[in-house]
Amino acid sequence: MRSARQQGFNLIELVVTITVIGIIMAGTLAYVTNSVTAYTATARRDQLTSLGRTAVEKVARELRAALPNSVRVNNNCIEFFPTLGGSIYQTLPVDTAAASFTAVDFSLLGSSGTDYVVVYPYDAAALYAAANPGPLVAYSGKAGSPTATVSLAAAHQFSHQAPQRRFYVVSAPVSYCIVGTDLLRYQNYGIHAVQSAPPGGGSSTLLAQDIQTSDGVVTVTPFTYTPGTLRRSGVIALDFRFLIGGEWIRLTHEVHIQNVL
């Protein structure tokens, strides 16, 4: 007989113990691996969603200030005139051209020095034609209060009176375009009767990457514009789909453009 000090594991018991420990470790490793994978995927989705929401909010925020009837869409590009301010005019050169008119004093937000006065933008084609007579002319400045004299860059004849005697001051048009998988903002490229998509000249700023214009089955339309009517506002639908590391995120948003002329 062996003494208590000589007792221990035999080979079978040792093999069984190692096997049990191996099974436990394998299960633990699988659990840890799945947890890390799930956490990584969740973090990637959160990052992707955050980037997507930031891009959507930047575009939507500027679109909310779009001049009524200035929005036009072509080839994954949306173009519009950002509104800086406006007021009510008292006199307006409609019958004959003039280099100024009087209006209730107003303030401007974000004036760039290359701004325009717009009266009754009833039609995008007439607006972007920038003709004389027409609804748009370059803005030169204003003086006086509470009645301000609005100076124009040149003598101009507006084509129509506005129903509510309202006028706008807008900046030069800007465009948001998806080129490849990049979302770009274009500015300082001038006014063109025919929309270029993307615009030529000017400058561009990268807002987001990894935007897809196809989900593998159908073509995705990132910008859709429904013009306003007498009974409702215009609506711009945004549909941005991001793909990073095999993860898809789709963000949709609607922006209402007040049909106030």
C-alpha atoms as a PDB file:
ATOM      1  CA  MET A   1       0.000   0.000   0.000  1.00  0.00           C
ATOM      2  CA  ARG A   2       1.150   3.582  -0.783  1.00  0.00           C
ATOM      3  CA  SER A   3       1.293   6.269   1.854  1.00  0.00           C
ATOM      4  CA  ALA A   4      -0.800   9.471   1.587  1.00  0.00           C
ATOM      5  CA  ARG A   5       2.282  11.392   0.464  1.00  0.00           C
ATOM      6  CA  GLN A   6       2.755   9.041  -2.482  1.00  0.00           C
ATOM      7  CA  GLN A   7      -0.815   9.391  -3.849  1.00  0.00           C
ATOM      8  CA  GLY A   8      -1.435  11.473  -7.080  1.00  0.00           C
ATOM      9  CA  PHE A   9      -2.987  11.411 -10.567  1.00  0.00           C
ATOM     10  CA  ASN A  10      -2.533   8.480 -12.790  1.00  0.00           C
ATOM     11  CA  LEU A  11      -2.199   8.854 -16.580  1.00  0.00           C
ATOM     12  CA  ILE A  12      -5.925   8.375 -17.294  1.00  0.00           C
ATOM     13  CA  GLU A  13      -6.940  10.999 -14.769  1.00  0.00           C
ATOM     14  CA  LEU A  14      -4.377  13.409 -16.165  1.00  0.00           C
ATOM     15  CA  VAL A  15      -5.622  12.924 -19.729  1.00  0.00           C
ATOM     16  CA  VAL A  16      -9.236  13.415 -18.643  1.00  0.00           C
ATOM     17  CA  THR A  17      -8.317  16.590 -16.743  1.00  0.00           C
ATOM     18  CA  ILE A  18      -6.420  18.046 -19.701  1.00  0.00           C
ATOM     19  CA  THR A  19      -9.319  17.199 -22.018  1.00  0.00           C
ATOM     20  CA  VAL A  20     -11.883  18.881 -19.744  1.00  0.00           C
ATOM     21  CA  ILE A  21      -9.701  21.973 -19.341  1.00  0.00           C
ATOM     22  CA  GLY A  22      -9.215  22.117 -23.124  1.00  0.00           C
ATOM     23  CA  ILE A  23     -12.971  21.980 -23.712  1.00  0.00           C
ATOM     24  CA  ILE A  24     -13.543  24.757 -21.185  1.00  0.00           C
ATOM     25  CA  MET A  25     -10.788  26.907 -22.692  1.00  0.00           C
ATOM     26  CA  ALA A  26     -12.137  26.357 -26.217  1.00  0.00           C
ATOM     27  CA  GLY A  27     -15.598  27.461 -25.143  1.00  0.00           C
ATOM     28  CA  THR A  28     -14.186  30.463 -23.313  1.00  0.00           C
ATOM     29  CA  LEU A  29     -12.060  31.431 -26.324  1.00  0.00           C
ATOM     30  CA  ALA A  30     -15.058  31.163 -28.648  1.00  0.00           C
ATOM     31  CA  TYR A  31     -17.117  33.347 -26.280  1.00  0.00           C
ATOM     32  CA  VAL A  32     -14.375  35.964 -26.022  1.00  0.00           C
ATOM     33  CA  THR A  33     -13.791  35.917 -29.784  1.00  0.00           C
ATOM     34  CA  ASN A  34     -17.510  36.344 -30.534  1.00  0.00           C
ATOM     35  CA  SER A  35     -17.761  39.146 -27.971  1.00  0.00           C
ATOM     36  CA  VAL A  36     -14.790  40.998 -29.467  1.00  0.00           C
ATOM     37  CA  THR A  37     -16.166  40.513 -32.996  1.00  0.00           C
ATOM     38  CA  ALA A  38     -19.600  41.791 -31.966  1.00  0.00           C
ATOM     39  CA  TYR A  39     -18.087  44.789 -30.196  1.00  0.00           C
ATOM     40  CA  THR A  40     -15.909  45.623 -33.207  1.00  0.00           C
ATOM     41  CA  ALA A  41     -18.876  45.347 -35.580  1.00  0.00           C
ATOM     42  CA  THR A  42     -21.039  47.513 -33.291  1.00  0.00           C
ATOM     43  CA  ALA A  43     -18.299  50.134 -32.972  1.00  0.00           C
ATOM     44  CA  ARG A  44     -17.850  50.144 -36.758  1.00  0.00           C
ATOM     45  CA  ARG A  45     -21.608  50.568 -37.296  1.00  0.00           C
ATOM     46  CA  ASP A  46     -21.758  53.375 -34.738  1.00  0.00           C
ATOM     47  CA  GLN A  47     -18.858  55.150 -36.416  1.00  0.00           C
ATOM     48  CA  LEU A  48     -20.426  54.682 -39.837  1.00  0.00           C
ATOM     49  CA  THR A  49     -23.811  55.912 -38.599  1.00  0.00           C
ATOM     50  CA  SER A  50     -22.223  58.949 -36.963  1.00  0.00           C
ATOM     51  CA  LEU A  51     -20.367  59.866 -40.143  1.00  0.00           C
ATOM     52  CA  GLY A  52     -23.517  59.384 -42.189  1.00  0.00           C
ATOM     53  CA  ARG A  53     -25.656  61.510 -39.879  1.00  0.00           C
ATOM     54  CA  THR A  54     -23.068  64.277 -39.926  1.00  0.00           C
ATOM     55  CA  ALA A  55     -23.084  64.317 -43.737  1.00  0.00           C
ATOM     56  CA  VAL A  56     -26.888  64.274 -43.912  1.00  0.00           C
ATOM     57  CA  GLU A  57     -27.200  67.080 -41.371  1.00  0.00           C
ATOM     58  CA  LYS A  58     -24.676  69.279 -43.189  1.00  0.00           C
ATOM     59  CA  VAL A  59     -26.520  68.894 -46.476  1.00  0.00           C
ATOM     60  CA  ALA A  60     -30.000  69.238 -44.932  1.00  0.00           C
ATOM     61  CA  ARG A  61     -29.077  72.329 -42.916  1.00  0.00           C
ATOM     62  CA  GLU A  62     -28.011  74.241 -46.023  1.00  0.00           C
ATOM     63  CA  LEU A  63     -30.888  72.943 -48.124  1.00  0.00           C
ATOM     64  CA  ARG A  64     -33.394  74.333 -45.616  1.00  0.00           C
ATOM     65  CA  ALA A  65     -32.236  77.813 -46.620  1.00  0.00           C
ATOM     66  CA  ALA A  66     -32.498  77.166 -50.362  1.00  0.00           C
ATOM     67  CA  LEU A  67     -34.212  79.827 -52.436  1.00  0.00           C
ATOM     68  CA  PRO A  68     -37.687  78.622 -53.529  1.00  0.00           C
ATOM     69  CA  ASN A  69     -37.702  77.211 -57.068  1.00  0.00           C
ATOM     70  CA  SER A  70     -33.895  77.349 -57.307  1.00  0.00           C
ATOM     71  CA  VAL A  71     -33.358  73.626 -56.712  1.00  0.00           C
ATOM     72  CA  ARG A  72     -32.416  71.422 -59.648  1.00  0.00           C
ATOM     73  CA  VAL A  73     -31.072  67.857 -59.759  1.00  0.00           C
ATOM     74  CA  ASN A  74     -28.952  66.105 -62.372  1.00  0.00           C
ATOM     75  CA  ASN A  75     -26.577  63.120 -62.412  1.00  0.00           C
ATOM     76  CA  ASN A  76     -26.274  62.630 -58.620  1.00  0.00           C
ATOM     77  CA  CYS A  77     -25.887  66.404 -58.131  1.00  0.00           C
ATOM     78  CA  ILE A  78     -28.225  68.900 -56.496  1.00  0.00           C
ATOM     79  CA  GLU A  79     -27.833  72.653 -57.067  1.00  0.00           C
ATOM     80  CA  PHE A  80     -29.518  75.648 -55.413  1.00  0.00           C
ATOM     81  CA  PHE A  81     -29.106  79.285 -54.336  1.00  0.00           C
ATOM     82  CA  PRO A  82     -28.571  79.648 -50.550  1.00  0.00           C
ATOM     83  CA  THR A  83     -30.723  82.427 -49.067  1.00  0.00           C
ATOM     84  CA  LEU A  84     -28.903  85.053 -46.998  1.00  0.00           C
ATOM     85  CA  GLY A  85     -31.763  87.422 -46.212  1.00  0.00           C
ATOM     86  CA  GLY A  86     -34.742  89.237 -47.607  1.00  0.00           C
ATOM     87  CA  SER A  87     -37.402  91.829 -47.009  1.00  0.00           C
ATOM     88  CA  ILE A  88     -40.310  93.715 -48.566  1.00  0.00           C
ATOM     89  CA  TYR A  89     -39.619  96.172 -51.358  1.00  0.00           C
ATOM     90  CA  GLN A  90     -41.432  99.501 -51.726  1.00  0.00           C
ATOM     91  CA  THR A  91     -40.403 100.383 -55.272  1.00  0.00           C
ATOM     92  CA  LEU A  92     -39.096  98.019 -57.940  1.00  0.00           C
ATOM     93  CA  PRO A  93     -37.772  98.618 -61.473  1.00  0.00           C
ATOM     94  CA  VAL A  94     -40.205  96.531 -63.510  1.00  0.00           C
ATOM     95  CA  ASP A  95     -41.256  98.822 -66.351  1.00  0.00           C
ATOM     96  CA  THR A  96     -37.824 100.383 -66.841  1.00  0.00           C
ATOM     97  CA  ALA A  97     -34.312  99.427 -65.741  1.00  0.00           C
ATOM     98  CA  ALA A  98     -32.731 101.055 -62.672  1.00  0.00           C
ATOM     99  CA  ALA A  99     -29.664 100.504 -60.527  1.00  0.00           C
ATOM    100  CA  SER A 100     -31.499 100.611 -57.182  1.00  0.00           C
ATOM    101  CA  PHE A 101     -34.842 100.306 -55.423  1.00  0.00           C
ATOM    102  CA  THR A 102     -36.208 101.028 -51.955  1.00  0.00           C
ATOM    103  CA  ALA A 103     -37.181  98.445 -49.356  1.00  0.00           C
ATOM    104  CA  VAL A 104     -37.751  97.850 -45.677  1.00  0.00           C
ATOM    105  CA  ASP A 105     -34.326  97.572 -44.049  1.00  0.00           C
ATOM    106  CA  PHE A 106     -32.953  94.047 -43.570  1.00  0.00           C
ATOM    107  CA  SER A 107     -29.870  92.157 -42.403  1.00  0.00           C
ATOM    108  CA  LEU A 108     -27.774  89.529 -44.179  1.00  0.00           C
ATOM    109  CA  LEU A 109     -26.317  86.281 -42.873  1.00  0.00           C
ATOM    110  CA  GLY A 110     -23.026  85.090 -44.313  1.00  0.00           C
ATOM    111  CA  SER A 111     -22.733  87.612 -47.124  1.00  0.00           C
ATOM    112  CA  SER A 112     -19.781  86.674 -49.332  1.00  0.00           C
ATOM    113  CA  GLY A 113     -19.469  89.769 -51.501  1.00  0.00           C
ATOM    114  CA  THR A 114     -20.748  87.830 -54.546  1.00  0.00           C
ATOM    115  CA  ASP A 115     -24.454  88.001 -53.813  1.00  0.00           C
ATOM    116  CA  TYR A 116     -27.610  88.515 -55.859  1.00  0.00           C
ATOM    117  CA  VAL A 117     -31.036  90.093 -55.499  1.00  0.00           C
ATOM    118  CA  VAL A 118     -33.917  87.870 -56.572  1.00  0.00           C
ATOM    119  CA  VAL A 119     -37.541  88.897 -57.085  1.00  0.00           C
ATOM    120  CA  TYR A 120     -40.266  86.333 -57.779  1.00  0.00           C
ATOM    121  CA  PRO A 121     -38.200  83.197 -58.658  1.00  0.00           C
ATOM    122  CA  TYR A 122     -41.164  81.467 -60.270  1.00  0.00           C
ATOM    123  CA  ASP A 123     -39.031  79.319 -62.593  1.00  0.00           C
ATOM    124  CA  ALA A 124     -35.558  77.787 -62.231  1.00  0.00           C
ATOM    125  CA  ALA A 125     -34.769  78.177 -65.935  1.00  0.00           C
ATOM    126  CA  ALA A 126     -35.401  81.935 -65.828  1.00  0.00           C
ATOM    127  CA  LEU A 127     -33.454  82.210 -62.575  1.00  0.00           C
ATOM    128  CA  TYR A 128     -30.313  80.480 -63.854  1.00  0.00           C
ATOM    129  CA  ALA A 129     -30.481  82.297 -67.192  1.00  0.00           C
ATOM    130  CA  ALA A 130     -29.535  85.484 -65.288  1.00  0.00           C
ATOM    131  CA  ALA A 131     -31.014  87.583 -68.097  1.00  0.00           C
ATOM    132  CA  ASN A 132     -32.100  91.224 -68.140  1.00  0.00           C
ATOM    133  CA  PRO A 133     -35.081  91.569 -67.774  1.00  0.00           C
ATOM    134  CA  GLY A 134     -35.203  88.680 -65.320  1.00  0.00           C
ATOM    135  CA  PRO A 135     -35.632  87.724 -61.670  1.00  0.00           C
ATOM    136  CA  LEU A 136     -31.933  87.936 -60.687  1.00  0.00           C
ATOM    137  CA  VAL A 137     -29.280  90.651 -60.613  1.00  0.00           C
ATOM    138  CA  ALA A 138     -25.975  91.114 -58.775  1.00  0.00           C
ATOM    139  CA  TYR A 139     -26.291  92.848 -55.388  1.00  0.00           C
ATOM    140  CA  SER A 140     -24.070  95.823 -54.600  1.00  0.00           C
ATOM    141  CA  GLY A 141     -25.148  96.894 -51.098  1.00  0.00           C
ATOM    142  CA  LYS A 142     -27.700  98.901 -49.151  1.00  0.00           C
ATOM    143  CA  ALA A 143     -27.898 102.099 -47.110  1.00  0.00           C
ATOM    144  CA  GLY A 144     -30.456 103.713 -44.844  1.00  0.00           C
ATOM    145  CA  SER A 145     -32.929 102.625 -42.183  1.00  0.00           C
ATOM    146  CA  PRO A 146     -35.815 101.916 -41.665  1.00  0.00           C
ATOM    147  CA  THR A 147     -36.182 102.470 -45.424  1.00  0.00           C
ATOM    148  CA  ALA A 148     -33.137 101.121 -47.245  1.00  0.00           C
ATOM    149  CA  THR A 149     -31.903 101.883 -50.731  1.00  0.00           C
ATOM    150  CA  VAL A 150     -30.835  98.594 -52.293  1.00  0.00           C
ATOM    151  CA  SER A 151     -28.049  99.113 -54.824  1.00  0.00           C
ATOM    152  CA  LEU A 152     -27.605  96.797 -57.791  1.00  0.00           C
ATOM    153  CA  ALA A 153     -24.366  96.086 -59.623  1.00  0.00           C
ATOM    154  CA  ALA A 154     -25.913  97.394 -62.872  1.00  0.00           C
ATOM    155  CA  ALA A 155     -29.149  98.843 -64.142  1.00  0.00           C
ATOM    156  CA  HIS A 156     -31.672  96.022 -64.191  1.00  0.00           C
ATOM    157  CA  GLN A 157     -35.308  95.455 -65.042  1.00  0.00           C
ATOM    158  CA  PHE A 158     -37.122  92.751 -63.103  1.00  0.00           C
ATOM    159  CA  SER A 159     -39.491  90.644 -65.153  1.00  0.00           C
ATOM    160  CA  HIS A 160     -42.346  90.424 -62.607  1.00  0.00           C
ATOM    161  CA  GLN A 161     -43.672  91.963 -59.443  1.00  0.00           C
ATOM    162  CA  ALA A 162     -43.774  89.528 -56.499  1.00  0.00           C
ATOM    163  CA  PRO A 163     -47.295  88.761 -55.183  1.00  0.00           C
ATOM    164  CA  GLN A 164     -46.297  89.801 -51.649  1.00  0.00           C
ATOM    165  CA  ARG A 165     -43.663  92.377 -52.738  1.00  0.00           C
ATOM    166  CA  ARG A 166     -40.981  90.089 -51.324  1.00  0.00           C
ATOM    167  CA  PHE A 167     -37.366  89.944 -52.486  1.00  0.00           C
ATOM    168  CA  TYR A 168     -34.403  87.787 -51.482  1.00  0.00           C
ATOM    169  CA  VAL A 169     -30.657  88.256 -51.265  1.00  0.00           C
ATOM    170  CA  VAL A 170     -28.862  85.028 -52.121  1.00  0.00           C
ATOM    171  CA  SER A 171     -25.285  83.873 -52.513  1.00  0.00           C
ATOM    172  CA  ALA A 172     -23.893  82.264 -55.668  1.00  0.00           C
ATOM    173  CA  PRO A 173     -25.264  78.759 -56.318  1.00  0.00           C
ATOM    174  CA  VAL A 174     -23.694  75.735 -54.659  1.00  0.00           C
ATOM    175  CA  SER A 175     -23.902  72.052 -55.534  1.00  0.00           C
ATOM    176  CA  TYR A 176     -23.649  68.790 -53.640  1.00  0.00           C
ATOM    177  CA  CYS A 177     -22.492  65.915 -55.824  1.00  0.00           C
ATOM    178  CA  ILE A 178     -21.593  62.275 -55.342  1.00  0.00           C
ATOM    179  CA  VAL A 179     -18.537  61.566 -57.488  1.00  0.00           C
ATOM    180  CA  GLY A 180     -17.456  57.947 -57.317  1.00  0.00           C
ATOM    181  CA  THR A 181     -18.020  57.227 -53.624  1.00  0.00           C
ATOM    182  CA  ASP A 182     -17.293  60.770 -52.368  1.00  0.00           C
ATOM    183  CA  LEU A 183     -19.790  63.449 -51.349  1.00  0.00           C
ATOM    184  CA  LEU A 184     -18.452  66.860 -52.439  1.00  0.00           C
ATOM    185  CA  ARG A 185     -19.685  70.424 -52.000  1.00  0.00           C
ATOM    186  CA  TYR A 186     -18.945  72.768 -54.941  1.00  0.00           C
ATOM    187  CA  GLN A 187     -18.948  76.562 -54.817  1.00  0.00           C
ATOM    188  CA  ASN A 188     -17.673  79.677 -56.625  1.00  0.00           C
ATOM    189  CA  TYR A 189     -18.217  78.211 -60.084  1.00  0.00           C
ATOM    190  CA  GLY A 190     -20.657  80.846 -61.330  1.00  0.00           C
ATOM    191  CA  ILE A 191     -24.193  80.746 -62.697  1.00  0.00           C
ATOM    192  CA  HIS A 192     -24.898  78.521 -65.691  1.00  0.00           C
ATOM    193  CA  ALA A 193     -28.142  78.142 -67.612  1.00  0.00           C
ATOM    194  CA  VAL A 194     -27.464  74.404 -68.058  1.00  0.00           C
ATOM    195  CA  GLN A 195     -26.608  72.487 -64.908  1.00  0.00           C
ATOM    196  CA  SER A 196     -23.186  70.868 -64.940  1.00  0.00           C
ATOM    197  CA  ALA A 197     -22.884  67.728 -62.875  1.00  0.00           C
ATOM    198  CA  PRO A 198     -20.434  68.044 -61.313  1.00  0.00           C
ATOM    199  CA  PRO A 199     -19.732  71.753 -61.889  1.00  0.00           C
ATOM    200  CA  GLY A 200     -16.540  72.824 -63.569  1.00  0.00           C
ATOM    201  CA  GLY A 201     -14.272  75.428 -62.033  1.00  0.00           C
ATOM    202  CA  GLY A 202     -14.632  76.893 -58.573  1.00  0.00           C
ATOM    203  CA  SER A 203     -13.639  74.818 -55.559  1.00  0.00           C
ATOM    204  CA  SER A 204     -14.866  71.658 -53.859  1.00  0.00           C
ATOM    205  CA  THR A 205     -14.862  70.335 -50.290  1.00  0.00           C
ATOM    206  CA  LEU A 206     -15.005  66.664 -49.320  1.00  0.00           C
ATOM    207  CA  LEU A 207     -17.841  65.958 -46.861  1.00  0.00           C
ATOM    208  CA  ALA A 208     -18.081  62.168 -46.765  1.00  0.00           C
ATOM    209  CA  GLN A 209     -16.713  59.012 -48.316  1.00  0.00           C
ATOM    210  CA  ASP A 210     -17.859  55.450 -49.053  1.00  0.00           C
ATOM    211  CA  ILE A 211     -21.294  56.506 -50.371  1.00  0.00           C
ATOM    212  CA  GLN A 212     -22.725  53.978 -52.808  1.00  0.00           C
ATOM    213  CA  THR A 213     -24.900  54.798 -55.814  1.00  0.00           C
ATOM    214  CA  SER A 214     -25.830  51.134 -56.257  1.00  0.00           C
ATOM    215  CA  ASP A 215     -26.815  48.560 -53.656  1.00  0.00           C
ATOM    216  CA  GLY A 216     -25.716  45.720 -55.917  1.00  0.00           C
ATOM    217  CA  VAL A 217     -29.182  45.267 -57.404  1.00  0.00           C
ATOM    218  CA  VAL A 218     -30.660  48.656 -58.263  1.00  0.00           C
ATOM    219  CA  THR A 219     -29.295  52.142 -58.827  1.00  0.00           C
ATOM    220  CA  VAL A 220     -29.593  54.457 -55.828  1.00  0.00           C
ATOM    221  CA  THR A 221     -30.849  58.017 -56.356  1.00  0.00           C
ATOM    222  CA  PRO A 222     -29.224  60.132 -53.625  1.00  0.00           C
ATOM    223  CA  PHE A 223     -31.152  63.355 -54.402  1.00  0.00           C
ATOM    224  CA  THR A 224     -34.810  63.615 -55.417  1.00  0.00           C
ATOM    225  CA  TYR A 225     -36.637  66.923 -55.716  1.00  0.00           C
ATOM    226  CA  THR A 226     -40.403  67.386 -55.846  1.00  0.00           C
ATOM    227  CA  PRO A 227     -41.248  71.039 -56.663  1.00  0.00           C
ATOM    228  CA  GLY A 228     -43.691  72.903 -54.468  1.00  0.00           C
ATOM    229  CA  THR A 229     -47.210  73.840 -55.470  1.00  0.00           C
ATOM    230  CA  LEU A 230     -49.788  76.339 -54.222  1.00  0.00           C
ATOM    231  CA  ARG A 231     -50.886  73.789 -51.615  1.00  0.00           C
ATOM    232  CA  ARG A 232     -47.584  72.386 -50.349  1.00  0.00           C
ATOM    233  CA  SER A 233     -43.875  73.065 -50.020  1.00  0.00           C
ATOM    234  CA  GLY A 234     -41.178  71.567 -52.188  1.00  0.00           C
ATOM    235  CA  VAL A 235     -39.576  68.383 -50.865  1.00  0.00           C
ATOM    236  CA  ILE A 236     -35.995  67.160 -51.258  1.00  0.00           C
ATOM    237  CA  ALA A 237     -35.443  63.487 -50.414  1.00  0.00           C
ATOM    238  CA  LEU A 238     -31.929  62.393 -49.431  1.00  0.00           C
ATOM    239  CA  ASP A 239     -30.957  58.708 -49.703  1.00  0.00           C
ATOM    240  CA  PHE A 240     -27.377  58.064 -48.603  1.00  0.00           C
ATOM    241  CA  ARG A 241     -26.049  54.494 -48.418  1.00  0.00           C
ATOM    242  CA  PHE A 242     -22.623  53.887 -46.912  1.00  0.00           C
ATOM    243  CA  LEU A 243     -20.500  50.738 -47.214  1.00  0.00           C
ATOM    244  CA  ILE A 244     -17.406  50.288 -45.018  1.00  0.00           C
ATOM    245  CA  GLY A 245     -15.793  46.968 -44.202  1.00  0.00           C
ATOM    246  CA  GLY A 246     -18.753  45.026 -45.544  1.00  0.00           C
ATOM    247  CA  GLU A 247     -21.221  46.950 -43.347  1.00  0.00           C
ATOM    248  CA  TRP A 248     -24.153  48.786 -44.970  1.00  0.00           C
ATOM    249  CA  ILE A 249     -25.824  51.839 -43.454  1.00  0.00           C
ATOM    250  CA  ARG A 250     -28.756  53.560 -45.147  1.00  0.00           C
ATOM    251  CA  LEU A 251     -29.867  57.045 -44.054  1.00  0.00           C
ATOM    252  CA  THR A 252     -32.906  58.773 -45.543  1.00  0.00           C
ATOM    253  CA  HIS A 253     -34.071  62.296 -44.832  1.00  0.00           C
ATOM    254  CA  GLU A 254     -36.586  64.794 -46.214  1.00  0.00           C
ATOM    255  CA  VAL A 255     -36.085  68.556 -46.373  1.00  0.00           C
ATOM    256  CA  HIS A 256     -39.008  70.909 -46.967  1.00  0.00           C
ATOM    257  CA  ILE A 257     -38.415  74.002 -49.097  1.00  0.00           C
ATOM    258  CA  GLN A 258     -40.909  76.737 -48.288  1.00  0.00           C
ATOM    259  CA  ASN A 259     -42.769  77.779 -51.418  1.00  0.00           C
ATOM    260  CA  VAL A 260     -42.791  81.472 -50.439  1.00  0.00           C
ATOM    261  CA  LEU A 261     -42.459  83.803 -53.393  1.00  0.00           C
END
